[in-house]
Amino acid sequence: MTDRKKAAGQTAASGNARPYDTKEASILAVLRSGQSLNRFEAERLGDHCLHSTVSTLRDKGYLFHDEWERVPTRFGKEANVKRYWYIGLANGAN
């Protein structure tokens, strides 16, 4: 077993990772809990590119609502970012 698999919690026999061992799984869990996220909030959770994670999850059939919002930056200005909410799965199962 490689060190990478060990770090991800995978075993050679099963090849399955524990829940939330991936960025996608942890972000999905947060969004499915009813919270919404923007890129700065996701950064604190270890996701440095939230829009890409959401795109990947959408490709897997998960549905999200998103809206633009303006948030203050640490430099005293404002930035436009998208806020994402989990809606469900494309086939209707949650």
Protein backbone atom coordinates (compact mmCIF):
# COMPACT_ATOMS: atom_id res chain seq x y z
CA MET A 1 0.00 0.00 0.00
CA THR A 2 1.34 3.42 -0.87
CA ASP A 3 1.85 6.18 1.67
CA ARG A 4 -0.75 8.20 -0.22
CA LYS A 5 -3.36 5.48 0.26
CA LYS A 6 -2.47 5.21 3.93
CA ALA A 7 -2.89 8.97 4.34
CA ALA A 8 -6.28 8.78 2.65
CA GLY A 9 -7.40 5.97 4.94
CA GLN A 10 -7.52 3.38 2.17
CA THR A 11 -6.69 -0.25 2.55
CA ALA A 12 -5.18 -2.44 -0.13
CA ALA A 13 -7.99 -4.97 0.22
CA SER A 14 -10.98 -2.66 -0.03
CA GLY A 15 -9.62 0.40 -1.83
CA ASN A 16 -12.36 2.41 -0.10
CA ALA A 17 -11.67 5.70 1.63
CA ARG A 18 -13.39 6.70 4.84
CA PRO A 19 -16.08 9.40 4.52
CA TYR A 20 -14.75 12.95 4.28
CA ASP A 21 -11.28 11.86 3.24
CA THR A 22 -11.63 13.93 0.11
CA LYS A 23 -12.14 17.63 -0.37
CA GLU A 24 -15.32 16.92 -2.33
CA ALA A 25 -16.78 14.74 0.41
CA SER A 26 -16.06 17.23 3.18
CA ILE A 27 -17.49 20.20 1.22
CA LEU A 28 -20.55 18.16 0.26
CA ALA A 29 -21.11 17.19 3.91
CA VAL A 30 -21.00 20.85 4.98
CA LEU A 31 -23.40 21.92 2.24
CA ARG A 32 -25.76 18.99 2.87
CA SER A 33 -25.93 19.95 6.55
CA GLY A 34 -27.80 23.09 5.52
CA GLN A 35 -24.90 25.53 5.55
CA SER A 36 -23.99 27.62 2.55
CA LEU A 37 -20.43 28.47 1.54
CA ASN A 38 -18.52 31.05 -0.43
CA ARG A 39 -14.88 30.72 -1.52
CA PHE A 40 -13.44 32.41 1.56
CA GLU A 41 -15.40 30.21 3.96
CA ALA A 42 -14.40 27.10 1.99
CA GLU A 43 -10.76 28.16 2.18
CA ARG A 44 -10.90 27.72 5.96
CA LEU A 45 -12.11 24.17 5.35
CA GLY A 46 -9.16 23.39 3.09
CA ASP A 47 -10.82 24.00 -0.27
CA HIS A 48 -8.75 26.50 -2.24
CA CYS A 49 -10.94 26.39 -5.34
CA LEU A 50 -14.62 26.01 -4.34
CA HIS A 51 -16.07 26.69 -7.79
CA SER A 52 -14.06 23.77 -9.18
CA THR A 53 -15.22 21.45 -6.39
CA VAL A 54 -18.85 22.44 -6.99
CA SER A 55 -18.40 21.86 -10.73
CA THR A 56 -17.04 18.37 -10.09
CA LEU A 57 -19.94 17.59 -7.75
CA ARG A 58 -22.42 18.89 -10.33
CA ASP A 59 -20.87 16.53 -12.88
CA LYS A 60 -21.65 13.70 -10.44
CA GLY A 61 -25.34 14.68 -10.29
CA TYR A 62 -25.49 16.94 -7.24
CA LEU A 63 -27.55 20.12 -7.58
CA PHE A 64 -26.58 23.49 -6.13
CA HIS A 65 -28.07 26.95 -6.11
CA ASP A 66 -25.58 29.79 -6.37
CA GLU A 67 -25.82 33.57 -6.12
CA TRP A 68 -23.28 36.36 -6.44
CA GLU A 69 -22.56 38.37 -3.30
CA ARG A 70 -20.10 41.07 -2.29
CA VAL A 71 -17.89 40.35 0.71
CA PRO A 72 -15.27 42.48 2.43
CA THR A 73 -11.64 41.53 1.93
CA ARG A 74 -8.83 41.82 4.43
CA PHE A 75 -7.57 44.80 2.42
CA GLY A 76 -10.63 46.95 3.11
CA LYS A 77 -12.21 46.43 -0.30
CA GLU A 78 -15.00 44.19 -1.53
CA ALA A 79 -14.90 41.15 -3.78
CA ASN A 80 -17.64 39.47 -5.80
CA VAL A 81 -17.96 35.79 -4.91
CA LYS A 82 -20.56 33.10 -5.36
CA ARG A 83 -22.37 31.55 -2.41
CA TYR A 84 -23.45 27.93 -2.89
CA TRP A 85 -26.36 25.99 -1.36
CA TYR A 86 -27.01 22.27 -1.72
CA ILE A 87 -30.37 21.41 -3.32
CA GLY A 88 -30.26 17.64 -3.84
CA LEU A 89 -29.46 15.03 -6.44
CA ALA A 90 -30.53 15.25 -10.08
CA ASN A 91 -32.43 11.95 -9.80
CA GLY A 92 -34.44 13.22 -6.80
CA ALA A 93 -32.71 11.15 -4.11
CA ASN A 94 -30.97 13.01 -1.30
